[in-house]
Amino acid sequence: MQTILGANGQIAIELAKELKKNYTSNIRLVSRNPKKVNDTDTLFSANLLDK
């Protein structure tokens, strides 16, 4: 599983697309309000500023 932190940013969105296309469909997106980029993405809501 690949995890992308701060998944709402433009770089993270492009990274999620490329990971799905070339590497794996097992992707976890982590952010305060995550949104799926690929249909197989797993979403995890978290504030990365909280310990």
PDB file of N, CA and C in Angstrom:
ATOM      1  N   MET A   1       0.847  -1.184   0.000  1.00  0.00           N
ATOM      2  CA  MET A   1       0.000   0.000   0.000  1.00  0.00           C
ATOM      3  C   MET A   1       0.889   1.242   0.000  1.00  0.00           C
ATOM      4  N   GLN A   2       0.543   2.183  -0.825  1.00  0.00           N
ATOM      5  CA  GLN A   2       1.227   3.463  -0.882  1.00  0.00           C
ATOM      6  C   GLN A   2       0.346   4.503  -0.197  1.00  0.00           C
ATOM      7  N   THR A   3       0.950   5.337   0.656  1.00  0.00           N
ATOM      8  CA  THR A   3       0.222   6.366   1.376  1.00  0.00           C
ATOM      9  C   THR A   3       0.711   7.735   0.944  1.00  0.00           C
ATOM     10  N   ILE A   4      -0.220   8.608   0.609  1.00  0.00           N
ATOM     11  CA  ILE A   4       0.109   9.973   0.219  1.00  0.00           C
ATOM     12  C   ILE A   4      -0.441  10.910   1.282  1.00  0.00           C
ATOM     13  N   LEU A   5       0.454  11.637   1.935  1.00  0.00           N
ATOM     14  CA  LEU A   5       0.055  12.601   2.961  1.00  0.00           C
ATOM     15  C   LEU A   5      -0.184  13.960   2.310  1.00  0.00           C
ATOM     16  N   GLY A   6      -1.184  14.687   2.789  1.00  0.00           N
ATOM     17  CA  GLY A   6      -1.520  15.976   2.187  1.00  0.00           C
ATOM     18  C   GLY A   6      -2.106  15.764   0.807  1.00  0.00           C
ATOM     19  N   ALA A   7      -3.048  14.847   0.716  1.00  0.00           N
ATOM     20  CA  ALA A   7      -3.514  14.333  -0.564  1.00  0.00           C
ATOM     21  C   ALA A   7      -4.410  15.257  -1.364  1.00  0.00           C
ATOM     22  N   ASN A   8      -4.706  16.457  -0.899  1.00  0.00           N
ATOM     23  CA  ASN A   8      -5.548  17.363  -1.679  1.00  0.00           C
ATOM     24  C   ASN A   8      -4.752  18.298  -2.581  1.00  0.00           C
ATOM     25  N   GLY A   9      -3.446  18.277  -2.474  1.00  0.00           N
ATOM     26  CA  GLY A   9      -2.613  19.155  -3.287  1.00  0.00           C
ATOM     27  C   GLY A   9      -2.454  18.654  -4.715  1.00  0.00           C
ATOM     28  N   GLN A  10      -2.091  19.534  -5.610  1.00  0.00           N
ATOM     29  CA  GLN A  10      -1.959  19.186  -7.031  1.00  0.00           C
ATOM     30  C   GLN A  10      -0.897  18.119  -7.269  1.00  0.00           C
ATOM     31  N   ILE A  11       0.221  18.195  -6.570  1.00  0.00           N
ATOM     32  CA  ILE A  11       1.280  17.188  -6.740  1.00  0.00           C
ATOM     33  C   ILE A  11       0.780  15.826  -6.284  1.00  0.00           C
ATOM     34  N   ALA A  12       0.070  15.779  -5.158  1.00  0.00           N
ATOM     35  CA  ALA A  12      -0.452  14.515  -4.642  1.00  0.00           C
ATOM     36  C   ALA A  12      -1.475  13.901  -5.600  1.00  0.00           C
ATOM     37  N   ILE A  13      -2.283  14.726  -6.202  1.00  0.00           N
ATOM     38  CA  ILE A  13      -3.285  14.229  -7.160  1.00  0.00           C
ATOM     39  C   ILE A  13      -2.591  13.589  -8.360  1.00  0.00           C
ATOM     40  N   GLU A  14      -1.592  14.256  -8.898  1.00  0.00           N
ATOM     41  CA  GLU A  14      -0.854  13.704 -10.042  1.00  0.00           C
ATOM     42  C   GLU A  14      -0.096  12.445  -9.648  1.00  0.00           C
ATOM     43  N   LEU A  15       0.464  12.426  -8.438  1.00  0.00           N
ATOM     44  CA  LEU A  15       1.176  11.252  -7.945  1.00  0.00           C
ATOM     45  C   LEU A  15       0.225  10.061  -7.827  1.00  0.00           C
ATOM     46  N   ALA A  16      -0.969  10.281  -7.298  1.00  0.00           N
ATOM     47  CA  ALA A  16      -1.955   9.207  -7.180  1.00  0.00           C
ATOM     48  C   ALA A  16      -2.319   8.632  -8.547  1.00  0.00           C
ATOM     49  N   LYS A  17      -2.475   9.490  -9.527  1.00  0.00           N
ATOM     50  CA  LYS A  17      -2.787   9.030 -10.887  1.00  0.00           C
ATOM     51  C   LYS A  17      -1.657   8.180 -11.452  1.00  0.00           C
ATOM     52  N   GLU A  18      -0.423   8.641 -11.288  1.00  0.00           N
ATOM     53  CA  GLU A  18       0.733   7.913 -11.812  1.00  0.00           C
ATOM     54  C   GLU A  18       0.962   6.595 -11.075  1.00  0.00           C
ATOM     55  N   LEU A  19       0.774   6.586  -9.763  1.00  0.00           N
ATOM     56  CA  LEU A  19       0.917   5.343  -9.007  1.00  0.00           C
ATOM     57  C   LEU A  19      -0.070   4.287  -9.499  1.00  0.00           C
ATOM     58  N   LYS A  20      -1.307   4.702  -9.709  1.00  0.00           N
ATOM     59  CA  LYS A  20      -2.338   3.767 -10.188  1.00  0.00           C
ATOM     60  C   LYS A  20      -1.999   3.262 -11.583  1.00  0.00           C
ATOM     61  N   LYS A  21      -1.519   4.153 -12.422  1.00  0.00           N
ATOM     62  CA  LYS A  21      -1.228   3.800 -13.816  1.00  0.00           C
ATOM     63  C   LYS A  21      -0.012   2.880 -13.939  1.00  0.00           C
ATOM     64  N   ASN A  22       1.032   3.127 -13.125  1.00  0.00           N
ATOM     65  CA  ASN A  22       2.304   2.442 -13.332  1.00  0.00           C
ATOM     66  C   ASN A  22       2.762   1.516 -12.210  1.00  0.00           C
ATOM     67  N   TYR A  23       2.094   1.541 -11.050  1.00  0.00           N
ATOM     68  CA  TYR A  23       2.661   0.805  -9.939  1.00  0.00           C
ATOM     69  C   TYR A  23       1.648  -0.042  -9.179  1.00  0.00           C
ATOM     70  N   THR A  24       0.645   0.564  -8.588  1.00  0.00           N
ATOM     71  CA  THR A  24      -0.299  -0.166  -7.747  1.00  0.00           C
ATOM     72  C   THR A  24      -1.652   0.534  -7.716  1.00  0.00           C
ATOM     73  N   SER A  25      -2.675  -0.246  -7.440  1.00  0.00           N
ATOM     74  CA  SER A  25      -4.002   0.354  -7.260  1.00  0.00           C
ATOM     75  C   SER A  25      -4.352   0.439  -5.775  1.00  0.00           C
ATOM     76  N   ASN A  26      -3.417   0.072  -4.917  1.00  0.00           N
ATOM     77  CA  ASN A  26      -3.620   0.075  -3.476  1.00  0.00           C
ATOM     78  C   ASN A  26      -3.030   1.363  -2.897  1.00  0.00           C
ATOM     79  N   ILE A  27      -3.803   2.453  -2.938  1.00  0.00           N
ATOM     80  CA  ILE A  27      -3.334   3.780  -2.554  1.00  0.00           C
ATOM     81  C   ILE A  27      -4.213   4.339  -1.438  1.00  0.00           C
ATOM     82  N   ARG A  28      -3.582   4.867  -0.395  1.00  0.00           N
ATOM     83  CA  ARG A  28      -4.290   5.513   0.716  1.00  0.00           C
ATOM     84  C   ARG A  28      -4.019   7.012   0.639  1.00  0.00           C
ATOM     85  N   LEU A  29      -5.080   7.809   0.608  1.00  0.00           N
ATOM     86  CA  LEU A  29      -4.963   9.263   0.570  1.00  0.00           C
ATOM     87  C   LEU A  29      -5.302   9.816   1.950  1.00  0.00           C
ATOM     88  N   VAL A  30      -4.391  10.614   2.505  1.00  0.00           N
ATOM     89  CA  VAL A  30      -4.560  11.153   3.851  1.00  0.00           C
ATOM     90  C   VAL A  30      -4.539  12.673   3.796  1.00  0.00           C
ATOM     91  N   SER A  31      -5.605  13.285   4.328  1.00  0.00           N
ATOM     92  CA  SER A  31      -5.678  14.742   4.473  1.00  0.00           C
ATOM     93  C   SER A  31      -6.873  15.065   5.363  1.00  0.00           C
ATOM     94  N   ARG A  32      -7.080  16.346   5.635  1.00  0.00           N
ATOM     95  CA  ARG A  32      -8.223  16.723   6.471  1.00  0.00           C
ATOM     96  C   ARG A  32      -9.547  16.352   5.819  1.00  0.00           C
ATOM     97  N   ASN A  33      -9.660  16.588   4.539  1.00  0.00           N
ATOM     98  CA  ASN A  33     -10.879  16.259   3.782  1.00  0.00           C
ATOM     99  C   ASN A  33     -10.490  15.541   2.496  1.00  0.00           C
ATOM    100  N   PRO A  34     -10.110  14.286   2.594  1.00  0.00           N
ATOM    101  CA  PRO A  34      -9.624  13.583   1.398  1.00  0.00           C
ATOM    102  C   PRO A  34     -10.737  13.321   0.385  1.00  0.00           C
ATOM    103  N   LYS A  35     -10.339  13.324  -0.879  1.00  0.00           N
ATOM    104  CA  LYS A  35     -11.254  13.024  -1.979  1.00  0.00           C
ATOM    105  C   LYS A  35     -10.568  12.011  -2.881  1.00  0.00           C
ATOM    106  N   LYS A  36     -11.342  11.067  -3.378  1.00  0.00           N
ATOM    107  CA  LYS A  36     -10.768  10.035  -4.240  1.00  0.00           C
ATOM    108  C   LYS A  36     -10.268  10.636  -5.550  1.00  0.00           C
ATOM    109  N   VAL A  37      -9.100  10.171  -5.959  1.00  0.00           N
ATOM    110  CA  VAL A  37      -8.557  10.510  -7.266  1.00  0.00           C
ATOM    111  C   VAL A  37      -8.851   9.350  -8.212  1.00  0.00           C
ATOM    112  N   ASN A  38      -8.611   8.132  -7.722  1.00  0.00           N
ATOM    113  CA  ASN A  38      -8.879   6.904  -8.465  1.00  0.00           C
ATOM    114  C   ASN A  38     -10.036   6.171  -7.780  1.00  0.00           C
ATOM    115  N   ASP A  39     -10.731   5.352  -8.524  1.00  0.00           N
ATOM    116  CA  ASP A  39     -11.876   4.647  -7.943  1.00  0.00           C
ATOM    117  C   ASP A  39     -11.499   3.654  -6.853  1.00  0.00           C
ATOM    118  N   THR A  40     -10.251   3.185  -6.813  1.00  0.00           N
ATOM    119  CA  THR A  40      -9.823   2.190  -5.820  1.00  0.00           C
ATOM    120  C   THR A  40      -9.120   2.804  -4.612  1.00  0.00           C
ATOM    121  N   ASP A  41      -9.014   4.119  -4.530  1.00  0.00           N
ATOM    122  CA  ASP A  41      -8.320   4.778  -3.420  1.00  0.00           C
ATOM    123  C   ASP A  41      -9.032   4.541  -2.095  1.00  0.00           C
ATOM    124  N   THR A  42      -8.223   4.425  -1.031  1.00  0.00           N
ATOM    125  CA  THR A  42      -8.741   4.374   0.324  1.00  0.00           C
ATOM    126  C   THR A  42      -8.521   5.738   0.935  1.00  0.00           C
ATOM    127  N   LEU A  43      -9.540   6.286   1.609  1.00  0.00           N
ATOM    128  CA  LEU A  43      -9.449   7.614   2.189  1.00  0.00           C
ATOM    129  C   LEU A  43      -9.259   7.525   3.702  1.00  0.00           C
ATOM    130  N   PHE A  44      -8.419   8.397   4.236  1.00  0.00           N
ATOM    131  CA  PHE A  44      -8.183   8.468   5.671  1.00  0.00           C
ATOM    132  C   PHE A  44      -8.150   9.931   6.064  1.00  0.00           C
ATOM    133  N   SER A  45      -9.068  10.340   6.924  1.00  0.00           N
ATOM    134  CA  SER A  45      -9.142  11.723   7.356  1.00  0.00           C
ATOM    135  C   SER A  45      -8.236  11.950   8.569  1.00  0.00           C
ATOM    136  N   ALA A  46      -7.349  12.931   8.476  1.00  0.00           N
ATOM    137  CA  ALA A  46      -6.445  13.249   9.574  1.00  0.00           C
ATOM    138  C   ALA A  46      -5.908  14.668   9.400  1.00  0.00           C
ATOM    139  N   ASN A  47      -5.701  15.350  10.515  1.00  0.00           N
ATOM    140  CA  ASN A  47      -5.039  16.648  10.508  1.00  0.00           C
ATOM    141  C   ASN A  47      -3.575  16.384  10.829  1.00  0.00           C
ATOM    142  N   LEU A  48      -2.703  16.607   9.881  1.00  0.00           N
ATOM    143  CA  LEU A  48      -1.296  16.280  10.043  1.00  0.00           C
ATOM    144  C   LEU A  48      -0.578  17.198  11.038  1.00  0.00           C
ATOM    145  N   LEU A  49      -1.247  18.269  11.485  1.00  0.00           N
ATOM    146  CA  LEU A  49      -0.673  19.145  12.488  1.00  0.00           C
ATOM    147  C   LEU A  49      -0.926  18.652  13.913  1.00  0.00           C
ATOM    148  N   ASP A  50      -1.880  17.700  14.062  1.00  0.00           N
ATOM    149  CA  ASP A  50      -2.166  17.120  15.384  1.00  0.00           C
ATOM    150  C   ASP A  50      -1.223  15.951  15.636  1.00  0.00           C
ATOM    151  N   LYS A  51      -0.663  15.913  16.842  1.00  0.00           N
ATOM    152  CA  LYS A  51       0.236  14.805  17.192  1.00  0.00           C
ATOM    153  C   LYS A  51      -0.534  13.540  17.474  1.00  0.00           C
TER     154      LYS A  51
END
